[in-house]
């Protein structure tokens, strides 16, 4: 995989994580309800709606990425989202960061590295 494709996947991943953070922040300011009126109000709140827009943009970018990169490479690289989410949640939402989480993040990075350096035999 070349640098441009990697940066496209990284951009897509960052957009997805930002969308998740917007959703988390938005849900911290509201209560979830299946009541149709409350659900519509929640979906159109600024943070939830912004997260939806981010996911829409990420989907369009993902379709472009899939036209250029094998899924068996692109999808595992996108797992960097787990790393960004764990550390981002620690810094932004003050969620705990345990040694087990750190070990898990290291294993994810190692796994993605192995996939990234494996030869593409098509």
PDB file of N, CA and C in Angstrom:
ATOM      1  N   UNK A   1       0.859  -1.181   0.000  1.00  0.00           N
ATOM      2  CA  UNK A   1       0.000   0.000   0.000  1.00  0.00           C
ATOM      3  C   UNK A   1       0.896   1.231   0.000  1.00  0.00           C
ATOM      4  N   UNK A   2       0.536   2.199  -0.837  1.00  0.00           N
ATOM      5  CA  UNK A   2       1.357   3.405  -0.911  1.00  0.00           C
ATOM      6  C   UNK A   2       0.923   4.424   0.152  1.00  0.00           C
ATOM      7  N   UNK A   3       1.737   5.461   0.295  1.00  0.00           N
ATOM      8  CA  UNK A   3       1.518   6.470   1.335  1.00  0.00           C
ATOM      9  C   UNK A   3       0.189   7.202   1.152  1.00  0.00           C
ATOM     10  N   UNK A   4      -0.171   7.519  -0.074  1.00  0.00           N
ATOM     11  CA  UNK A   4      -1.429   8.243  -0.322  1.00  0.00           C
ATOM     12  C   UNK A   4      -2.620   7.414   0.155  1.00  0.00           C
ATOM     13  N   UNK A   5      -2.636   6.129  -0.183  1.00  0.00           N
ATOM     14  CA  UNK A   5      -3.745   5.274   0.251  1.00  0.00           C
ATOM     15  C   UNK A   5      -3.782   5.145   1.769  1.00  0.00           C
ATOM     16  N   UNK A   6      -2.607   5.035   2.383  1.00  0.00           N
ATOM     17  CA  UNK A   6      -2.560   4.970   3.846  1.00  0.00           C
ATOM     18  C   UNK A   6      -3.121   6.251   4.452  1.00  0.00           C
ATOM     19  N   UNK A   7      -2.751   7.397   3.899  1.00  0.00           N
ATOM     20  CA  UNK A   7      -3.249   8.671   4.426  1.00  0.00           C
ATOM     21  C   UNK A   7      -4.751   8.819   4.205  1.00  0.00           C
ATOM     22  N   UNK A   8      -5.253   8.286   3.108  1.00  0.00           N
ATOM     23  CA  UNK A   8      -6.704   8.303   2.879  1.00  0.00           C
ATOM     24  C   UNK A   8      -7.420   7.466   3.947  1.00  0.00           C
ATOM     25  N   UNK A   9      -6.887   6.287   4.227  1.00  0.00           N
ATOM     26  CA  UNK A   9      -7.499   5.431   5.254  1.00  0.00           C
ATOM     27  C   UNK A   9      -7.392   6.095   6.626  1.00  0.00           C
ATOM     28  N   UNK A  10      -6.255   6.698   6.908  1.00  0.00           N
ATOM     29  CA  UNK A  10      -6.089   7.398   8.188  1.00  0.00           C
ATOM     30  C   UNK A  10      -7.059   8.564   8.306  1.00  0.00           C
ATOM     31  N   UNK A  11      -7.259   9.302   7.216  1.00  0.00           N
ATOM     32  CA  UNK A  11      -8.227  10.413   7.220  1.00  0.00           C
ATOM     33  C   UNK A  11      -9.630   9.891   7.482  1.00  0.00           C
ATOM     34  N   UNK A  12      -9.992   8.810   6.798  1.00  0.00           N
ATOM     35  CA  UNK A  12     -11.303   8.196   6.993  1.00  0.00           C
ATOM     36  C   UNK A  12     -11.483   7.777   8.442  1.00  0.00           C
ATOM     37  N   UNK A  13     -10.462   7.181   8.996  1.00  0.00           N
ATOM     38  CA  UNK A  13     -10.511   6.712  10.379  1.00  0.00           C
ATOM     39  C   UNK A  13     -10.679   7.881  11.344  1.00  0.00           C
ATOM     40  N   UNK A  14      -9.956   8.957  11.115  1.00  0.00           N
ATOM     41  CA  UNK A  14     -10.074  10.141  11.980  1.00  0.00           C
ATOM     42  C   UNK A  14     -11.475  10.740  11.896  1.00  0.00           C
ATOM     43  N   UNK A  15     -12.037  10.781  10.700  1.00  0.00           N
ATOM     44  CA  UNK A  15     -13.400  11.304  10.537  1.00  0.00           C
ATOM     45  C   UNK A  15     -14.390  10.447  11.336  1.00  0.00           C
ATOM     46  N   UNK A  16     -14.224   9.116  11.261  1.00  0.00           N
ATOM     47  CA  UNK A  16     -15.104   8.216  12.013  1.00  0.00           C
ATOM     48  C   UNK A  16     -14.967   8.427  13.519  1.00  0.00           C
ATOM     49  N   UNK A  17     -13.741   8.556  13.995  1.00  0.00           N
ATOM     50  CA  UNK A  17     -13.524   8.742  15.437  1.00  0.00           C
ATOM     51  C   UNK A  17     -14.090  10.086  15.889  1.00  0.00           C
ATOM     52  N   UNK A  18     -13.905  11.109  15.093  1.00  0.00           N
ATOM     53  CA  UNK A  18     -14.491  12.416  15.432  1.00  0.00           C
ATOM     54  C   UNK A  18     -16.009  12.301  15.501  1.00  0.00           C
ATOM     55  N   UNK A  19     -16.599  11.578  14.553  1.00  0.00           N
ATOM     56  CA  UNK A  19     -18.041  11.352  14.587  1.00  0.00           C
ATOM     57  C   UNK A  19     -18.472  10.655  15.868  1.00  0.00           C
ATOM     58  N   UNK A  20     -17.723   9.645  16.292  1.00  0.00           N
ATOM     59  CA  UNK A  20     -18.039   8.943  17.535  1.00  0.00           C
ATOM     60  C   UNK A  20     -17.938   9.887  18.737  1.00  0.00           C
ATOM     61  N   UNK A  21     -16.905  10.724  18.736  1.00  0.00           N
ATOM     62  CA  UNK A  21     -16.740  11.664  19.848  1.00  0.00           C
ATOM     63  C   UNK A  21     -17.880  12.678  19.879  1.00  0.00           C
ATOM     64  N   UNK A  22     -18.320  13.123  18.717  1.00  0.00           N
ATOM     65  CA  UNK A  22     -19.469  14.033  18.670  1.00  0.00           C
ATOM     66  C   UNK A  22     -20.715  13.346  19.210  1.00  0.00           C
ATOM     67  N   UNK A  23     -20.919  12.084  18.830  1.00  0.00           N
ATOM     68  CA  UNK A  23     -22.073  11.335  19.342  1.00  0.00           C
ATOM     69  C   UNK A  23     -21.986  11.171  20.854  1.00  0.00           C
ATOM     70  N   UNK A  24     -20.809  10.817  21.345  1.00  0.00           N
ATOM     71  CA  UNK A  24     -20.641  10.622  22.795  1.00  0.00           C
ATOM     72  C   UNK A  24     -20.934  11.932  23.528  1.00  0.00           C
ATOM     73  N   UNK A  25     -20.371  13.026  23.043  1.00  0.00           N
ATOM     74  CA  UNK A  25     -20.597  14.320  23.687  1.00  0.00           C
ATOM     75  C   UNK A  25     -22.075  14.694  23.627  1.00  0.00           C
ATOM     76  N   UNK A  26     -22.684  14.471  22.473  1.00  0.00           N
ATOM     77  CA  UNK A  26     -24.107  14.769  22.329  1.00  0.00           C
ATOM     78  C   UNK A  26     -24.967  13.931  23.261  1.00  0.00           C
ATOM     79  N   UNK A  27     -24.611  12.665  23.434  1.00  0.00           N
ATOM     80  CA  UNK A  27     -25.395  11.793  24.314  1.00  0.00           C
ATOM     81  C   UNK A  27     -25.159  12.107  25.782  1.00  0.00           C
ATOM     82  N   UNK A  28     -24.061  12.761  26.096  1.00  0.00           N
ATOM     83  CA  UNK A  28     -23.831  13.196  27.477  1.00  0.00           C
ATOM     84  C   UNK A  28     -24.768  14.351  27.829  1.00  0.00           C
ATOM     85  N   UNK A  29     -25.313  15.008  26.813  1.00  0.00           N
ATOM     86  CA  UNK A  29     -26.176  16.163  27.027  1.00  0.00           C
ATOM     87  C   UNK A  29     -27.659  15.833  26.865  1.00  0.00           C
ATOM     88  N   UNK A  30     -27.988  14.565  26.614  1.00  0.00           N
ATOM     89  CA  UNK A  30     -29.381  14.189  26.393  1.00  0.00           C
ATOM     90  C   UNK A  30     -29.633  12.810  26.980  1.00  0.00           C
ATOM     91  N   UNK A  31     -30.879  12.435  26.999  1.00  0.00           N
ATOM     92  CA  UNK A  31     -31.278  11.108  27.447  1.00  0.00           C
ATOM     93  C   UNK A  31     -31.839  10.346  26.256  1.00  0.00           C
ATOM     94  N   UNK A  32     -31.394   9.114  26.088  1.00  0.00           N
ATOM     95  CA  UNK A  32     -31.878   8.311  24.972  1.00  0.00           C
ATOM     96  C   UNK A  32     -33.309   7.863  25.237  1.00  0.00           C
ATOM     97  N   UNK A  33     -34.133   7.980  24.206  1.00  0.00           N
ATOM     98  CA  UNK A  33     -35.522   7.554  24.305  1.00  0.00           C
ATOM     99  C   UNK A  33     -35.980   7.066  22.942  1.00  0.00           C
ATOM    100  N   UNK A  34     -36.803   6.025  22.927  1.00  0.00           N
ATOM    101  CA  UNK A  34     -37.353   5.522  21.674  1.00  0.00           C
ATOM    102  C   UNK A  34     -38.637   6.238  21.273  1.00  0.00           C
ATOM    103  N   UNK A  35     -39.051   7.197  22.065  1.00  0.00           N
ATOM    104  CA  UNK A  35     -40.197   8.028  21.722  1.00  0.00           C
ATOM    105  C   UNK A  35     -39.874   8.737  20.412  1.00  0.00           C
ATOM    106  N   UNK A  36     -40.728   8.617  19.378  1.00  0.00           N
ATOM    107  CA  UNK A  36     -40.405   9.192  18.064  1.00  0.00           C
ATOM    108  C   UNK A  36     -40.054  10.681  18.096  1.00  0.00           C
ATOM    109  N   UNK A  37     -40.778  11.453  18.877  1.00  0.00           N
ATOM    110  CA  UNK A  37     -40.486  12.889  18.942  1.00  0.00           C
ATOM    111  C   UNK A  37     -39.130  13.138  19.618  1.00  0.00           C
ATOM    112  N   UNK A  38     -38.878  12.437  20.701  1.00  0.00           N
ATOM    113  CA  UNK A  38     -37.600  12.590  21.402  1.00  0.00           C
ATOM    114  C   UNK A  38     -36.445  12.102  20.534  1.00  0.00           C
ATOM    115  N   UNK A  39     -36.687  11.035  19.777  1.00  0.00           N
ATOM    116  CA  UNK A  39     -35.660  10.494  18.892  1.00  0.00           C
ATOM    117  C   UNK A  39     -35.309  11.500  17.795  1.00  0.00           C
ATOM    118  N   UNK A  40     -36.311  12.131  17.204  1.00  0.00           N
ATOM    119  CA  UNK A  40     -36.056  13.142  16.179  1.00  0.00           C
ATOM    120  C   UNK A  40     -35.311  14.345  16.766  1.00  0.00           C
ATOM    121  N   UNK A  41     -35.719  14.759  17.959  1.00  0.00           N
ATOM    122  CA  UNK A  41     -35.038  15.878  18.616  1.00  0.00           C
ATOM    123  C   UNK A  41     -33.574  15.531  18.873  1.00  0.00           C
ATOM    124  N   UNK A  42     -33.314  14.289  19.307  1.00  0.00           N
ATOM    125  CA  UNK A  42     -31.953  13.846  19.580  1.00  0.00           C
ATOM    126  C   UNK A  42     -31.133  13.815  18.287  1.00  0.00           C
ATOM    127  N   UNK A  43     -31.689  13.245  17.219  1.00  0.00           N
ATOM    128  CA  UNK A  43     -30.953  13.123  15.962  1.00  0.00           C
ATOM    129  C   UNK A  43     -30.589  14.474  15.359  1.00  0.00           C
ATOM    130  N   UNK A  44     -31.418  15.475  15.608  1.00  0.00           N
ATOM    131  CA  UNK A  44     -31.147  16.794  15.050  1.00  0.00           C
ATOM    132  C   UNK A  44     -30.479  17.744  16.042  1.00  0.00           C
ATOM    133  N   UNK A  45     -30.052  17.216  17.198  1.00  0.00           N
ATOM    134  CA  UNK A  45     -29.254  18.056  18.093  1.00  0.00           C
ATOM    135  C   UNK A  45     -27.901  18.296  17.414  1.00  0.00           C
ATOM    136  N   UNK A  46     -27.266  19.409  17.678  1.00  0.00           N
ATOM    137  CA  UNK A  46     -26.064  19.779  16.916  1.00  0.00           C
ATOM    138  C   UNK A  46     -24.949  18.723  16.920  1.00  0.00           C
ATOM    139  N   UNK A  47     -24.657  18.123  18.060  1.00  0.00           N
ATOM    140  CA  UNK A  47     -23.545  17.180  18.122  1.00  0.00           C
ATOM    141  C   UNK A  47     -23.894  15.852  17.458  1.00  0.00           C
ATOM    142  N   UNK A  48     -25.097  15.350  17.683  1.00  0.00           N
ATOM    143  CA  UNK A  48     -25.509  14.087  17.065  1.00  0.00           C
ATOM    144  C   UNK A  48     -25.598  14.262  15.543  1.00  0.00           C
ATOM    145  N   UNK A  49     -26.206  15.336  15.107  1.00  0.00           N
ATOM    146  CA  UNK A  49     -26.337  15.579  13.672  1.00  0.00           C
ATOM    147  C   UNK A  49     -24.964  15.751  13.024  1.00  0.00           C
ATOM    148  N   UNK A  50     -24.066  16.472  13.688  1.00  0.00           N
ATOM    149  CA  UNK A  50     -22.709  16.645  13.154  1.00  0.00           C
ATOM    150  C   UNK A  50     -21.995  15.301  13.031  1.00  0.00           C
ATOM    151  N   UNK A  51     -22.199  14.434  14.020  1.00  0.00           N
ATOM    152  CA  UNK A  51     -21.619  13.094  13.947  1.00  0.00           C
ATOM    153  C   UNK A  51     -22.166  12.308  12.766  1.00  0.00           C
ATOM    154  N   UNK A  52     -23.455  12.452  12.503  1.00  0.00           N
ATOM    155  CA  UNK A  52     -24.056  11.788  11.347  1.00  0.00           C
ATOM    156  C   UNK A  52     -23.464  12.308  10.040  1.00  0.00           C
ATOM    157  N   UNK A  53     -23.245  13.616   9.972  1.00  0.00           N
ATOM    158  CA  UNK A  53     -22.636  14.208   8.777  1.00  0.00           C
ATOM    159  C   UNK A  53     -21.209  13.669   8.600  1.00  0.00           C
ATOM    160  N   UNK A  54     -20.474  13.563   9.691  1.00  0.00           N
ATOM    161  CA  UNK A  54     -19.112  13.029   9.622  1.00  0.00           C
ATOM    162  C   UNK A  54     -19.138  11.594   9.104  1.00  0.00           C
ATOM    163  N   UNK A  55     -20.080  10.800   9.583  1.00  0.00           N
ATOM    164  CA  UNK A  55     -20.186   9.417   9.118  1.00  0.00           C
ATOM    165  C   UNK A  55     -20.564   9.358   7.637  1.00  0.00           C
ATOM    166  N   UNK A  56     -21.405  10.271   7.187  1.00  0.00           N
ATOM    167  CA  UNK A  56     -21.742  10.328   5.764  1.00  0.00           C
ATOM    168  C   UNK A  56     -20.516  10.641   4.921  1.00  0.00           C
ATOM    169  N   UNK A  57     -19.733  11.617   5.364  1.00  0.00           N
ATOM    170  CA  UNK A  57     -18.508  11.984   4.652  1.00  0.00           C
ATOM    171  C   UNK A  57     -17.517  10.814   4.663  1.00  0.00           C
ATOM    172  N   UNK A  58     -17.399  10.154   5.809  1.00  0.00           N
ATOM    173  CA  UNK A  58     -16.486   9.013   5.912  1.00  0.00           C
ATOM    174  C   UNK A  58     -16.916   7.878   4.987  1.00  0.00           C
ATOM    175  N   UNK A  59     -18.210   7.687   4.824  1.00  0.00           N
ATOM    176  CA  UNK A  59     -18.708   6.629   3.945  1.00  0.00           C
ATOM    177  C   UNK A  59     -18.338   6.920   2.492  1.00  0.00           C
ATOM    178  N   UNK A  60     -18.496   8.158   2.070  1.00  0.00           N
ATOM    179  CA  UNK A  60     -18.134   8.527   0.699  1.00  0.00           C
ATOM    180  C   UNK A  60     -16.633   8.318   0.476  1.00  0.00           C
ATOM    181  N   UNK A  61     -15.832   8.756   1.444  1.00  0.00           N
ATOM    182  CA  UNK A  61     -14.383   8.566   1.350  1.00  0.00           C
ATOM    183  C   UNK A  61     -14.043   7.075   1.345  1.00  0.00           C
ATOM    184  N   UNK A  62     -14.730   6.288   2.159  1.00  0.00           N
ATOM    185  CA  UNK A  62     -14.482   4.845   2.242  1.00  0.00           C
ATOM    186  C   UNK A  62     -14.756   4.171   0.889  1.00  0.00           C
ATOM    187  N   UNK A  63     -15.817   4.581   0.220  1.00  0.00           N
ATOM    188  CA  UNK A  63     -16.115   4.022  -1.097  1.00  0.00           C
ATOM    189  C   UNK A  63     -14.974   4.312  -2.078  1.00  0.00           C
ATOM    190  N   UNK A  64     -14.436   5.518  -2.007  1.00  0.00           N
ATOM    191  CA  UNK A  64     -13.289   5.870  -2.848  1.00  0.00           C
ATOM    192  C   UNK A  64     -12.081   5.002  -2.495  1.00  0.00           C
ATOM    193  N   UNK A  65     -11.834   4.828  -1.210  1.00  0.00           N
ATOM    194  CA  UNK A  65     -10.711   4.001  -0.758  1.00  0.00           C
ATOM    195  C   UNK A  65     -10.865   2.568  -1.272  1.00  0.00           C
ATOM    196  N   UNK A  66     -12.070   2.031  -1.171  1.00  0.00           N
ATOM    197  CA  UNK A  66     -12.296   0.649  -1.612  1.00  0.00           C
ATOM    198  C   UNK A  66     -12.095   0.481  -3.119  1.00  0.00           C
ATOM    199  N   UNK A  67     -12.194   1.574  -3.868  1.00  0.00           N
ATOM    200  CA  UNK A  67     -11.937   1.474  -5.305  1.00  0.00           C
ATOM    201  C   UNK A  67     -10.439   1.399  -5.596  1.00  0.00           C
ATOM    202  N   UNK A  68      -9.604   1.660  -4.586  1.00  0.00           N
ATOM    203  CA  UNK A  68      -8.156   1.725  -4.782  1.00  0.00           C
ATOM    204  C   UNK A  68      -7.369   0.697  -3.984  1.00  0.00           C
ATOM    205  N   UNK A  69      -7.940   0.239  -2.861  1.00  0.00           N
ATOM    206  CA  UNK A  69      -7.186  -0.591  -1.908  1.00  0.00           C
ATOM    207  C   UNK A  69      -7.953  -1.888  -1.660  1.00  0.00           C
ATOM    208  N   UNK A  70      -7.271  -3.019  -1.604  1.00  0.00           N
ATOM    209  CA  UNK A  70      -7.966  -4.268  -1.278  1.00  0.00           C
ATOM    210  C   UNK A  70      -8.613  -4.189   0.110  1.00  0.00           C
ATOM    211  N   UNK A  71      -9.805  -4.708   0.226  1.00  0.00           N
ATOM    212  CA  UNK A  71     -10.522  -4.682   1.509  1.00  0.00           C
ATOM    213  C   UNK A  71      -9.719  -5.374   2.603  1.00  0.00           C
ATOM    214  N   UNK A  72      -9.017  -6.446   2.240  1.00  0.00           N
ATOM    215  CA  UNK A  72      -8.240  -7.203   3.229  1.00  0.00           C
ATOM    216  C   UNK A  72      -7.079  -6.393   3.796  1.00  0.00           C
ATOM    217  N   UNK A  73      -6.746  -5.289   3.164  1.00  0.00           N
ATOM    218  CA  UNK A  73      -5.714  -4.384   3.672  1.00  0.00           C
ATOM    219  C   UNK A  73      -6.362  -3.159   4.316  1.00  0.00           C
ATOM    220  N   UNK A  74      -7.319  -2.565   3.626  1.00  0.00           N
ATOM    221  CA  UNK A  74      -7.927  -1.316   4.099  1.00  0.00           C
ATOM    222  C   UNK A  74      -8.640  -1.483   5.434  1.00  0.00           C
ATOM    223  N   UNK A  75      -9.427  -2.540   5.553  1.00  0.00           N
ATOM    224  CA  UNK A  75     -10.252  -2.692   6.757  1.00  0.00           C
ATOM    225  C   UNK A  75      -9.406  -2.894   8.019  1.00  0.00           C
ATOM    226  N   UNK A  76      -8.407  -3.769   8.003  1.00  0.00           N
ATOM    227  CA  UNK A  76      -7.573  -3.880   9.213  1.00  0.00           C
ATOM    228  C   UNK A  76      -6.830  -2.595   9.558  1.00  0.00           C
ATOM    229  N   UNK A  77      -6.373  -1.858   8.551  1.00  0.00           N
ATOM    230  CA  UNK A  77      -5.679  -0.598   8.837  1.00  0.00           C
ATOM    231  C   UNK A  77      -6.628   0.384   9.515  1.00  0.00           C
ATOM    232  N   UNK A  78      -7.900   0.310   9.149  1.00  0.00           N
ATOM    233  CA  UNK A  78      -8.887   1.197   9.762  1.00  0.00           C
ATOM    234  C   UNK A  78      -9.068   0.892  11.255  1.00  0.00           C
ATOM    235  N   UNK A  79      -8.578  -0.247  11.702  1.00  0.00           N
ATOM    236  CA  UNK A  79      -8.688  -0.573  13.127  1.00  0.00           C
ATOM    237  C   UNK A  79      -7.849   0.364  13.999  1.00  0.00           C
ATOM    238  N   UNK A  80      -7.076   1.222  13.373  1.00  0.00           N
ATOM    239  CA  UNK A  80      -6.378   2.270  14.114  1.00  0.00           C
ATOM    240  C   UNK A  80      -7.396   3.124  14.876  1.00  0.00           C
ATOM    241  N   UNK A  81      -8.648   3.078  14.441  1.00  0.00           N
ATOM    242  CA  UNK A  81      -9.713   3.811  15.136  1.00  0.00           C
ATOM    243  C   UNK A  81      -9.787   3.397  16.609  1.00  0.00           C
ATOM    244  N   UNK A  82      -9.538   2.124  16.890  1.00  0.00           N
ATOM    245  CA  UNK A  82      -9.564   1.667  18.282  1.00  0.00           C
ATOM    246  C   UNK A  82      -8.504   2.374  19.104  1.00  0.00           C
ATOM    247  N   UNK A  83      -7.339   2.548  18.517  1.00  0.00           N
ATOM    248  CA  UNK A  83      -6.242   3.217  19.209  1.00  0.00           C
ATOM    249  C   UNK A  83      -6.620   4.677  19.475  1.00  0.00           C
ATOM    250  N   UNK A  84      -7.101   5.344  18.446  1.00  0.00           N
ATOM    251  CA  UNK A  84      -7.490   6.756  18.597  1.00  0.00           C
ATOM    252  C   UNK A  84      -8.620   6.915  19.605  1.00  0.00           C
ATOM    253  N   UNK A  85      -9.566   5.988  19.584  1.00  0.00           N
ATOM    254  CA  UNK A  85     -10.703   6.082  20.498  1.00  0.00           C
ATOM    255  C   UNK A  85     -10.282   5.877  21.951  1.00  0.00           C
ATOM    256  N   UNK A  86      -9.413   4.915  22.189  1.00  0.00           N
ATOM    257  CA  UNK A  86      -8.987   4.637  23.568  1.00  0.00           C
ATOM    258  C   UNK A  86      -8.247   5.836  24.155  1.00  0.00           C
ATOM    259  N   UNK A  87      -7.269   6.352  23.409  1.00  0.00           N
ATOM    260  CA  UNK A  87      -6.507   7.485  23.939  1.00  0.00           C
ATOM    261  C   UNK A  87      -7.315   8.783  23.906  1.00  0.00           C
ATOM    262  N   UNK A  88      -8.117   8.957  22.876  1.00  0.00           N
ATOM    263  CA  UNK A  88      -8.976  10.135  22.818  1.00  0.00           C
ATOM    264  C   UNK A  88      -9.975  10.167  23.958  1.00  0.00           C
ATOM    265  N   UNK A  89     -10.575   9.015  24.268  1.00  0.00           N
ATOM    266  CA  UNK A  89     -11.534   8.948  25.378  1.00  0.00           C
ATOM    267  C   UNK A  89     -10.856   9.265  26.707  1.00  0.00           C
ATOM    268  N   UNK A  90      -9.606   8.866  26.817  1.00  0.00           N
ATOM    269  CA  UNK A  90      -8.851   9.170  28.037  1.00  0.00           C
ATOM    270  C   UNK A  90      -8.653  10.680  28.189  1.00  0.00           C
ATOM    271  N   UNK A  91      -8.231  11.330  27.111  1.00  0.00           N
ATOM    272  CA  UNK A  91      -7.930  12.759  27.186  1.00  0.00           C
ATOM    273  C   UNK A  91      -9.179  13.639  27.129  1.00  0.00           C
ATOM    274  N   UNK A  92     -10.152  13.279  26.323  1.00  0.00           N
ATOM    275  CA  UNK A  92     -11.321  14.146  26.131  1.00  0.00           C
ATOM    276  C   UNK A  92     -12.391  13.891  27.190  1.00  0.00           C
ATOM    277  N   UNK A  93     -12.686  12.611  27.440  1.00  0.00           N
ATOM    278  CA  UNK A  93     -13.788  12.279  28.355  1.00  0.00           C
ATOM    279  C   UNK A  93     -13.301  11.788  29.715  1.00  0.00           C
ATOM    280  N   UNK A  94     -11.989  11.764  29.915  1.00  0.00           N
ATOM    281  CA  UNK A  94     -11.383  11.343  31.182  1.00  0.00           C
ATOM    282  C   UNK A  94     -11.786   9.915  31.562  1.00  0.00           C
ATOM    283  N   UNK A  95     -11.898   9.053  30.548  1.00  0.00           N
ATOM    284  CA  UNK A  95     -12.187   7.645  30.800  1.00  0.00           C
ATOM    285  C   UNK A  95     -10.903   6.962  31.253  1.00  0.00           C
ATOM    286  N   UNK A  96     -11.025   5.924  32.069  1.00  0.00           N
ATOM    287  CA  UNK A  96      -9.815   5.268  32.585  1.00  0.00           C
ATOM    288  C   UNK A  96      -8.999   4.604  31.472  1.00  0.00           C
ATOM    289  N   UNK A  97      -7.689   4.607  31.659  1.00  0.00           N
ATOM    290  CA  UNK A  97      -6.765   3.974  30.721  1.00  0.00           C
ATOM    291  C   UNK A  97      -5.952   2.952  31.514  1.00  0.00           C
ATOM    292  N   UNK A  98      -6.375   1.710  31.454  1.00  0.00           N
ATOM    293  CA  UNK A  98      -5.744   0.647  32.236  1.00  0.00           C
ATOM    294  C   UNK A  98      -4.586   0.020  31.465  1.00  0.00           C
ATOM    295  N   UNK A  99      -3.714  -0.683  32.190  1.00  0.00           N
ATOM    296  CA  UNK A  99      -2.630  -1.414  31.506  1.00  0.00           C
ATOM    297  C   UNK A  99      -3.163  -2.411  30.475  1.00  0.00           C
ATOM    298  N   UNK A 100      -4.299  -3.030  30.756  1.00  0.00           N
ATOM    299  CA  UNK A 100      -4.887  -3.982  29.810  1.00  0.00           C
ATOM    300  C   UNK A 100      -5.271  -3.283  28.510  1.00  0.00           C
ATOM    301  N   UNK A 101      -5.837  -2.095  28.599  1.00  0.00           N
ATOM    302  CA  UNK A 101      -6.190  -1.343  27.396  1.00  0.00           C
ATOM    303  C   UNK A 101      -4.936  -0.982  26.609  1.00  0.00           C
ATOM    304  N   UNK A 102      -3.894  -0.582  27.296  1.00  0.00           N
ATOM    305  CA  UNK A 102      -2.648  -0.208  26.625  1.00  0.00           C
ATOM    306  C   UNK A 102      -2.056  -1.421  25.905  1.00  0.00           C
ATOM    307  N   UNK A 103      -2.068  -2.585  26.559  1.00  0.00           N
ATOM    308  CA  UNK A 103      -1.570  -3.809  25.917  1.00  0.00           C
ATOM    309  C   UNK A 103      -2.413  -4.125  24.685  1.00  0.00           C
ATOM    310  N   UNK A 104      -3.723  -3.984  24.797  1.00  0.00           N
ATOM    311  CA  UNK A 104      -4.603  -4.221  23.655  1.00  0.00           C
ATOM    312  C   UNK A 104      -4.280  -3.296  22.498  1.00  0.00           C
ATOM    313  N   UNK A 105      -4.029  -2.033  22.790  1.00  0.00           N
ATOM    314  CA  UNK A 105      -3.678  -1.055  21.759  1.00  0.00           C
ATOM    315  C   UNK A 105      -2.359  -1.453  21.088  1.00  0.00           C
ATOM    316  N   UNK A 106      -1.397  -1.884  21.878  1.00  0.00           N
ATOM    317  CA  UNK A 106      -0.111  -2.318  21.310  1.00  0.00           C
ATOM    318  C   UNK A 106      -0.317  -3.513  20.385  1.00  0.00           C
ATOM    319  N   UNK A 107      -1.153  -4.459  20.792  1.00  0.00           N
ATOM    320  CA  UNK A 107      -1.430  -5.624  19.950  1.00  0.00           C
ATOM    321  C   UNK A 107      -2.119  -5.216  18.643  1.00  0.00           C
ATOM    322  N   UNK A 108      -3.037  -4.266  18.720  1.00  0.00           N
ATOM    323  CA  UNK A 108      -3.700  -3.776  17.500  1.00  0.00           C
ATOM    324  C   UNK A 108      -2.674  -3.152  16.566  1.00  0.00           C
ATOM    325  N   UNK A 109      -1.796  -2.327  17.109  1.00  0.00           N
ATOM    326  CA  UNK A 109      -0.765  -1.675  16.285  1.00  0.00           C
ATOM    327  C   UNK A 109       0.143  -2.721  15.649  1.00  0.00           C
ATOM    328  N   UNK A 110       0.528  -3.730  16.410  1.00  0.00           N
ATOM    329  CA  UNK A 110       1.367  -4.791  15.854  1.00  0.00           C
ATOM    330  C   UNK A 110       0.641  -5.537  14.736  1.00  0.00           C
ATOM    331  N   UNK A 111      -0.624  -5.865  14.960  1.00  0.00           N
ATOM    332  CA  UNK A 111      -1.400  -6.573  13.943  1.00  0.00           C
ATOM    333  C   UNK A 111      -1.536  -5.769  12.674  1.00  0.00           C
ATOM    334  N   UNK A 112      -1.846  -4.491  12.802  1.00  0.00           N
ATOM    335  CA  UNK A 112      -1.975  -3.622  11.625  1.00  0.00           C
ATOM    336  C   UNK A 112      -0.633  -3.499  10.921  1.00  0.00           C
ATOM    337  N   UNK A 113       0.456  -3.440  11.674  1.00  0.00           N
ATOM    338  CA  UNK A 113       1.788  -3.356  11.069  1.00  0.00           C
ATOM    339  C   UNK A 113       2.084  -4.600  10.242  1.00  0.00           C
ATOM    340  N   UNK A 114       1.744  -5.773  10.769  1.00  0.00           N
ATOM    341  CA  UNK A 114       1.966  -7.011  10.014  1.00  0.00           C
ATOM    342  C   UNK A 114       1.161  -7.024   8.719  1.00  0.00           C
ATOM    343  N   UNK A 115      -0.060  -6.554   8.777  1.00  0.00           N
ATOM    344  CA  UNK A 115      -0.885  -6.505   7.572  1.00  0.00           C
ATOM    345  C   UNK A 115      -0.322  -5.501   6.584  1.00  0.00           C
ATOM    346  N   UNK A 116       0.125  -4.374   7.085  1.00  0.00           N
ATOM    347  CA  UNK A 116       0.666  -3.315   6.211  1.00  0.00           C
ATOM    348  C   UNK A 116       1.951  -3.713   5.515  1.00  0.00           C
ATOM    349  N   UNK A 117       2.775  -4.527   6.171  1.00  0.00           N
ATOM    350  CA  UNK A 117       4.060  -4.889   5.554  1.00  0.00           C
ATOM    351  C   UNK A 117       3.978  -6.201   4.775  1.00  0.00           C
ATOM    352  N   UNK A 118       2.844  -6.897   4.874  1.00  0.00           N
ATOM    353  CA  UNK A 118       2.734  -8.162   4.138  1.00  0.00           C
ATOM    354  C   UNK A 118       2.665  -7.883   2.636  1.00  0.00           C
ATOM    355  N   UNK A 119       3.302  -8.740   1.855  1.00  0.00           N
ATOM    356  CA  UNK A 119       3.298  -8.507   0.399  1.00  0.00           C
ATOM    357  C   UNK A 119       1.897  -8.703  -0.183  1.00  0.00           C
ATOM    358  N   UNK A 120       1.580  -7.887  -1.158  1.00  0.00           N
ATOM    359  CA  UNK A 120       0.291  -7.991  -1.837  1.00  0.00           C
ATOM    360  C   UNK A 120       0.472  -8.935  -3.018  1.00  0.00           C
ATOM    361  N   UNK A 121      -0.063 -10.139  -2.879  1.00  0.00           N
ATOM    362  CA  UNK A 121       0.115 -11.162  -3.921  1.00  0.00           C
ATOM    363  C   UNK A 121      -1.164 -11.334  -4.708  1.00  0.00           C
ATOM    364  N   UNK A 122      -1.434 -10.389  -5.574  1.00  0.00           N
ATOM    365  CA  UNK A 122      -2.635 -10.470  -6.411  1.00  0.00           C
ATOM    366  C   UNK A 122      -2.290 -10.905  -7.799  1.00  0.00           C
TER     367      UNK A 122
END
